[in-house]
């Protein structure tokens, strides 16, 4: 009896217009039975549930016959636009083969462009049409650009700063937190640690940082060497190699011909504590502001203000004074020897 009813239902569904209202509908497609095919000009069914145990076909003839399923609160829960061969979810005017209008949740793996074709993928933002773009033809990703020129290309649409920010639950999530890297609106590359902590640089998975930039701006480097292994030193202004070969120098004169090296005796060695020190560690050195009068050649500047003292060059002055003392000592020894004779 049920099978006869189903056959009658399917036959009637071929009419130009048919409305059906039933609590439940079960379509049983079995061998030798009539396949459930819906292909009428207009057919409206209203059932609490529909179960197809075999194959259900809608618009098998390929005509311009749209199909839609209403939800309890949405008229366009599922819409098939036969004239454009498109499916809409939440819309009756799909603009692509599949258009979803509304919130979407995917609970499982998602693969885009699994066939590895030249199919780009783009996410639009509220004010940026190229919020996230994959350039499949060149295997590149663009953020803020539809034409990435590197594997990852981040482009700011305006002339403002373009910064990436890294943070965690400890740093916070405002623009004044974490670590930032990028380019400023003055076209300067920027590395910015907003946490007022040290910046550490590691290499080859080692546990000890090769370089540390402290929060107070001081820099600690494990070893100053260039790529060839030649030692590099800090001259108070920049890192320089120990290039003492004649081929690098001109206008050579004895230091005593241009400088009064005896002024080293006017320098005041001191002990002090840095104002930024958290441990109160005592250090030794020279006050550059005091030494500028004796040896301006040994003073370094930053923003037109006295910054430091070139300790490495002080050794050359001391060497000249040691030679003078040696000559004086030899002279005195010769005089004493004559007096003893």
Protein backbone atom coordinates (compact mmCIF):
# COMPACT_ATOMS: atom_id res chain seq x y z
CA UNK A 1 0.00 0.00 0.00
CA UNK A 2 2.82 2.38 0.84
CA UNK A 3 4.56 1.62 -2.42
CA UNK A 4 1.41 2.27 -4.41
CA UNK A 5 1.01 5.63 -2.68
CA UNK A 6 4.56 6.58 -3.52
CA UNK A 7 4.14 5.64 -7.18
CA UNK A 8 0.97 7.71 -7.35
CA UNK A 9 2.78 10.61 -5.67
CA UNK A 10 5.63 10.59 -8.15
CA UNK A 11 3.31 10.37 -11.14
CA UNK A 12 1.25 13.29 -9.91
CA UNK A 13 4.45 15.27 -9.34
CA UNK A 14 4.95 15.39 -13.07
CA UNK A 15 1.94 17.65 -13.48
CA UNK A 16 2.39 21.36 -14.23
CA UNK A 17 1.53 22.37 -10.71
CA UNK A 18 1.25 20.19 -7.64
CA UNK A 19 1.14 21.04 -3.93
CA UNK A 20 1.61 18.35 -1.29
CA UNK A 21 1.16 18.68 2.44
CA UNK A 22 2.01 15.66 4.54
CA UNK A 23 3.59 14.98 7.89
CA UNK A 24 6.36 12.72 6.57
CA UNK A 25 7.41 11.53 3.13
CA UNK A 26 9.56 8.46 2.43
CA UNK A 27 10.66 7.75 -1.14
CA UNK A 28 11.75 4.15 -1.63
CA UNK A 29 13.77 3.59 -4.80
CA UNK A 30 14.22 -0.11 -5.30
CA UNK A 31 15.00 -2.34 -8.25
CA UNK A 32 12.11 -2.40 -10.69
CA UNK A 33 10.39 0.59 -9.07
CA UNK A 34 9.83 4.06 -10.49
CA UNK A 35 12.81 6.38 -9.72
CA UNK A 36 11.74 9.45 -7.75
CA UNK A 37 12.25 12.29 -10.26
CA UNK A 38 10.88 15.81 -9.75
CA UNK A 39 10.87 17.70 -13.05
CA UNK A 40 7.68 19.77 -13.21
CA UNK A 41 7.33 23.46 -13.98
CA UNK A 42 6.21 24.21 -10.45
CA UNK A 43 5.85 21.89 -7.50
CA UNK A 44 5.54 22.78 -3.86
CA UNK A 45 5.93 20.21 -1.11
CA UNK A 46 5.59 20.85 2.61
CA UNK A 47 6.69 17.88 4.71
CA UNK A 48 8.13 17.62 8.18
CA UNK A 49 10.76 15.22 6.87
CA UNK A 50 11.83 13.70 3.57
CA UNK A 51 13.88 10.52 3.30
CA UNK A 52 15.30 9.25 0.01
CA UNK A 53 16.63 5.74 0.36
CA UNK A 54 17.98 5.78 -3.20
CA UNK A 55 18.30 8.68 -5.68
CA UNK A 56 16.34 11.93 -5.71
CA UNK A 57 16.56 14.12 -8.82
CA UNK A 58 15.41 17.72 -9.24
CA UNK A 59 15.13 19.30 -12.71
CA UNK A 60 16.53 16.26 -14.51
CA UNK A 61 15.66 17.71 -17.93
CA UNK A 62 18.02 20.66 -17.33
CA UNK A 63 15.43 23.37 -17.77
CA UNK A 64 15.33 26.82 -16.21
CA UNK A 65 13.56 25.53 -13.12
CA UNK A 66 14.85 27.00 -9.86
CA UNK A 67 14.78 25.10 -6.60
CA UNK A 68 14.75 26.39 -3.09
CA UNK A 69 14.32 25.18 0.47
CA UNK A 70 12.94 27.45 3.15
CA UNK A 71 14.02 27.41 6.75
CA UNK A 72 12.00 28.25 9.81
CA UNK A 73 13.36 31.81 9.83
CA UNK A 74 14.89 32.14 6.38
CA UNK A 75 13.19 31.96 2.99
CA UNK A 76 16.42 31.24 1.14
CA UNK A 77 18.08 28.61 3.28
CA UNK A 78 19.06 26.76 0.07
CA UNK A 79 18.47 28.12 -3.42
CA UNK A 80 19.31 26.58 -6.79
CA UNK A 81 19.43 29.13 -9.63
CA UNK A 82 19.06 26.89 -12.68
CA UNK A 83 19.52 29.69 -15.24
CA UNK A 84 23.01 30.58 -13.95
CA UNK A 85 23.94 27.13 -12.62
CA UNK A 86 24.59 28.53 -9.17
CA UNK A 87 23.73 27.54 -5.61
CA UNK A 88 22.95 30.06 -2.92
CA UNK A 89 22.87 29.44 0.83
CA UNK A 90 21.14 32.31 2.55
CA UNK A 91 20.62 34.14 -0.75
CA UNK A 92 18.43 33.75 -3.85
CA UNK A 93 20.84 35.67 -6.08
CA UNK A 94 24.09 33.73 -5.87
CA UNK A 95 26.98 35.50 -7.61
CA UNK A 96 29.19 32.44 -7.89
CA UNK A 97 28.88 28.69 -8.30
CA UNK A 98 28.35 28.61 -4.53
CA UNK A 99 27.60 31.70 -2.47
CA UNK A 100 27.04 31.56 1.27
CA UNK A 101 25.46 34.61 2.86
CA UNK A 102 25.68 34.64 6.65
CA UNK A 103 27.78 32.98 9.32
CA UNK A 104 29.69 29.87 8.24
CA UNK A 105 31.18 27.22 10.49
CA UNK A 106 33.36 24.38 9.26
CA UNK A 107 34.10 21.54 11.67
CA UNK A 108 36.68 19.52 9.81
CA UNK A 109 39.58 19.70 7.34
CA UNK A 110 39.21 22.21 4.50
CA UNK A 111 41.33 22.04 1.34
CA UNK A 112 41.32 24.82 -1.23
CA UNK A 113 42.63 24.16 -4.75
CA UNK A 114 43.49 20.53 -4.07
CA UNK A 115 44.11 19.95 -7.81
CA UNK A 116 46.98 22.50 -7.68
CA UNK A 117 45.49 24.60 -10.46
CA UNK A 118 45.99 28.32 -11.03
CA UNK A 119 43.04 29.25 -8.83
CA UNK A 120 43.54 32.28 -6.59
CA UNK A 121 41.83 32.70 -3.24
CA UNK A 122 40.89 36.05 -1.73
CA UNK A 123 39.34 37.33 1.52
CA UNK A 124 37.92 40.84 1.53
CA UNK A 125 37.80 43.12 4.56
CA UNK A 126 35.42 45.94 5.35
CA UNK A 127 37.77 48.49 3.82
CA UNK A 128 40.33 46.35 2.02
CA UNK A 129 39.40 44.27 -1.01
CA UNK A 130 42.69 42.37 -0.73
CA UNK A 131 42.80 41.62 2.97
CA UNK A 132 44.25 38.16 2.21
CA UNK A 133 45.14 36.89 -1.27
CA UNK A 134 46.77 33.69 -2.51
CA UNK A 135 48.44 33.97 -5.92
CA UNK A 136 48.33 30.34 -6.98
CA UNK A 137 50.10 30.98 -10.29
CA UNK A 138 53.21 32.27 -8.49
CA UNK A 139 52.79 30.39 -5.19
CA UNK A 140 52.70 33.60 -3.16
CA UNK A 141 50.55 35.11 -0.43
CA UNK A 142 49.59 38.75 -0.26
CA UNK A 143 48.20 40.67 2.69
CA UNK A 144 46.85 43.99 1.54
CA UNK A 145 47.91 43.34 -2.06
CA UNK A 146 46.59 41.25 -4.95
CA UNK A 147 50.04 41.14 -6.59
CA UNK A 148 52.52 39.77 -4.03
CA UNK A 149 56.15 39.93 -5.19
CA UNK A 150 57.56 37.64 -2.50
CA UNK A 151 56.49 34.38 -0.85
CA UNK A 152 54.78 36.59 1.75
CA UNK A 153 54.12 40.22 0.85
CA UNK A 154 52.46 42.59 3.35
CA UNK A 155 51.40 45.90 1.85
CA UNK A 156 49.89 48.92 3.59
CA UNK A 157 47.32 50.62 1.35
CA UNK A 158 48.25 54.12 2.54
CA UNK A 159 51.45 55.97 3.46
CA UNK A 160 51.28 55.07 7.15
CA UNK A 161 53.39 52.65 9.13
CA UNK A 162 53.17 48.97 8.18
CA UNK A 163 53.97 46.87 11.24
CA UNK A 164 53.48 43.23 12.22
CA UNK A 165 52.86 42.63 15.92
CA UNK A 166 53.64 39.57 18.02
CA UNK A 167 52.28 39.08 21.52
CA UNK A 168 50.92 36.57 23.99
CA UNK A 169 48.77 36.49 27.12
CA UNK A 170 51.58 38.07 29.13
CA UNK A 171 52.34 41.00 26.83
CA UNK A 172 48.80 42.19 26.19
CA UNK A 173 47.26 42.98 22.83
CA UNK A 174 47.31 46.76 22.35
CA UNK A 175 49.52 48.72 19.95
CA UNK A 176 51.79 49.43 22.93
CA UNK A 177 52.42 45.75 23.68
CA UNK A 178 54.56 42.92 22.40
CA UNK A 179 57.17 42.98 19.64
CA UNK A 180 56.66 44.83 16.37
CA UNK A 181 58.53 44.68 13.10
CA UNK A 182 57.93 46.52 9.84
CA UNK A 183 58.40 49.86 8.12
CA UNK A 184 57.53 53.30 9.46
CA UNK A 185 55.79 56.11 7.63
CA UNK A 186 59.27 57.62 7.17
CA UNK A 187 60.30 54.52 5.16
CA UNK A 188 62.58 53.26 7.91
CA UNK A 189 62.81 49.60 8.87
CA UNK A 190 61.76 49.17 12.50
CA UNK A 191 62.25 46.53 15.18
CA UNK A 192 60.39 47.60 18.29
CA UNK A 193 60.17 45.84 21.65
CA UNK A 194 57.33 47.53 23.53
CA UNK A 195 57.83 45.45 26.67
CA UNK A 196 60.85 47.37 28.08
CA UNK A 197 62.80 44.12 28.21
CA UNK A 198 65.96 42.83 26.53
CA UNK A 199 65.99 41.73 22.89
CA UNK A 200 67.96 38.51 22.42
CA UNK A 201 69.40 37.09 19.19
CA UNK A 202 70.20 33.38 18.91
CA UNK A 203 71.88 31.24 16.25
CA UNK A 204 72.02 27.50 15.46
CA UNK A 205 69.74 26.59 18.33
CA UNK A 206 72.22 27.62 20.99
CA UNK A 207 71.05 28.32 24.52
CA UNK A 208 73.21 31.44 24.85
CA UNK A 209 72.25 34.55 22.87
CA UNK A 210 74.87 35.78 20.40
CA UNK A 211 73.73 39.37 20.89
CA UNK A 212 71.57 41.17 23.44
CA UNK A 213 70.11 44.65 23.14
CA UNK A 214 69.24 45.66 26.68
CA UNK A 215 66.23 47.77 27.59
CA UNK A 216 68.56 50.70 28.35
CA UNK A 217 69.95 50.58 24.79
CA UNK A 218 73.28 48.97 25.59
CA UNK A 219 74.45 46.15 23.33
CA UNK A 220 76.26 42.98 24.32
CA UNK A 221 77.79 40.86 21.55
CA UNK A 222 79.44 37.52 22.17
CA UNK A 223 82.26 38.19 19.68
CA UNK A 224 82.95 40.96 17.19
CA UNK A 225 84.11 39.33 13.94
CA UNK A 226 83.40 39.77 10.27
CA UNK A 227 82.51 36.91 7.93
CA UNK A 228 86.19 36.08 7.42
CA UNK A 229 86.79 35.83 11.16
CA UNK A 230 88.67 39.13 11.42
CA UNK A 231 87.98 40.78 14.79
CA UNK A 232 85.78 43.87 14.73
CA UNK A 233 85.89 46.57 17.37
CA UNK A 234 83.63 49.40 18.51
CA UNK A 235 85.31 52.76 18.01
CA UNK A 236 82.63 54.64 19.92
CA UNK A 237 80.61 55.45 16.84
CA UNK A 238 80.53 52.33 14.70
CA UNK A 239 81.87 48.81 14.36
CA UNK A 240 85.19 48.73 12.51
CA UNK A 241 87.64 46.03 11.55
CA UNK A 242 91.22 46.15 12.78
CA UNK A 243 92.54 47.35 9.44
CA UNK A 244 96.06 48.51 10.34
CA UNK A 245 97.74 47.60 7.05
CA UNK A 246 99.61 50.34 5.20
CA UNK A 247 97.35 49.93 2.17
CA UNK A 248 94.48 51.51 4.11
CA UNK A 249 96.34 54.66 5.24
CA UNK A 250 97.77 57.93 3.90
CA UNK A 251 99.17 61.22 5.25
CA UNK A 252 101.12 59.29 7.88
CA UNK A 253 103.06 61.25 10.55
CA UNK A 254 104.36 60.50 14.03
CA UNK A 255 101.65 61.09 16.60
CA UNK A 256 103.90 63.40 18.62
CA UNK A 257 104.05 65.74 15.62
CA UNK A 258 100.31 66.49 15.86
CA UNK A 259 99.20 65.64 19.39
CA UNK A 260 100.55 66.43 22.83
CA UNK A 261 100.33 62.94 24.24
CA UNK A 262 101.43 64.17 27.67
CA UNK A 263 97.87 65.36 28.17
CA UNK A 264 96.98 61.79 29.12
CA UNK A 265 98.22 62.74 32.60
CA UNK A 266 95.40 65.29 32.78
CA UNK A 267 92.71 62.63 32.27
CA UNK A 268 90.85 61.63 35.40
CA UNK A 269 90.19 57.90 35.84
CA UNK A 270 86.98 57.37 37.82
CA UNK A 271 84.71 54.71 39.25
CA UNK A 272 80.99 55.15 38.83
CA UNK A 273 77.55 53.53 38.72
CA UNK A 274 75.38 53.84 35.65
CA UNK A 275 72.10 55.66 36.26
CA UNK A 276 70.25 52.87 34.40
CA UNK A 277 71.86 50.07 36.43
CA UNK A 278 69.46 47.84 38.34
CA UNK A 279 72.24 46.06 40.25
CA UNK A 280 74.35 49.03 41.32
CA UNK A 281 77.42 47.52 39.67
CA UNK A 282 80.52 49.75 39.91
CA UNK A 283 82.46 50.45 36.72
CA UNK A 284 85.70 52.23 35.78
CA UNK A 285 86.30 54.68 32.97
CA UNK A 286 86.77 58.25 31.79
CA UNK A 287 84.22 61.08 31.83
CA UNK A 288 84.03 62.06 28.16
CA UNK A 289 82.80 65.56 29.01
CA UNK A 290 86.03 66.15 30.95
CA UNK A 291 88.32 64.60 28.31
CA UNK A 292 87.01 66.64 25.37
CA UNK A 293 89.40 69.46 26.21
CA UNK A 294 92.49 67.22 26.13
CA UNK A 295 91.64 64.87 23.27
CA UNK A 296 88.59 65.83 21.18
CA UNK A 297 89.71 63.13 18.71
CA UNK A 298 88.69 60.49 21.26
CA UNK A 299 85.16 61.81 21.88
CA UNK A 300 82.05 60.40 20.18
CA UNK A 301 78.77 62.20 19.65
CA UNK A 302 75.08 61.35 19.24
CA UNK A 303 72.55 63.95 18.12
CA UNK A 304 75.24 66.62 18.50
CA UNK A 305 75.77 65.73 22.18
CA UNK A 306 78.81 64.12 23.79
CA UNK A 307 78.17 60.38 24.01
CA UNK A 308 81.33 58.37 24.64
CA UNK A 309 85.10 57.99 24.81
CA UNK A 310 87.21 55.88 22.44
CA UNK A 311 89.15 53.80 24.94
CA UNK A 312 90.83 51.66 22.27
CA UNK A 313 92.68 54.70 20.86
CA UNK A 314 93.87 55.76 24.28
CA UNK A 315 96.41 52.91 24.14
CA UNK A 316 98.24 54.60 21.26
CA UNK A 317 98.69 57.76 23.32
CA UNK A 318 99.92 55.75 26.28
CA UNK A 319 102.37 53.92 24.02
CA UNK A 320 103.93 57.21 22.96
CA UNK A 321 104.25 58.31 26.58
CA UNK A 322 105.81 54.97 27.52
CA UNK A 323 108.43 55.49 24.79
CA UNK A 324 109.19 58.93 26.22
CA UNK A 325 109.54 57.47 29.72
CA UNK A 326 111.79 54.72 28.39
CA UNK A 327 114.05 57.24 26.67
CA UNK A 328 114.14 59.36 29.83
CA UNK A 329 114.94 56.33 31.95
CA UNK A 330 117.75 55.28 29.64
CA UNK A 331 119.16 58.81 29.80
CA UNK A 332 119.11 58.80 33.61
CA UNK A 333 120.68 55.36 33.76
CA UNK A 334 123.51 56.56 31.49
CA UNK A 335 124.13 59.59 33.74
CA UNK A 336 124.19 57.43 36.86
CA UNK A 337 126.63 55.06 35.25
CA UNK A 338 128.99 57.92 34.44
CA UNK A 339 128.77 59.19 38.02
CA UNK A 340 129.63 55.73 39.36
CA UNK A 341 132.72 55.42 37.21
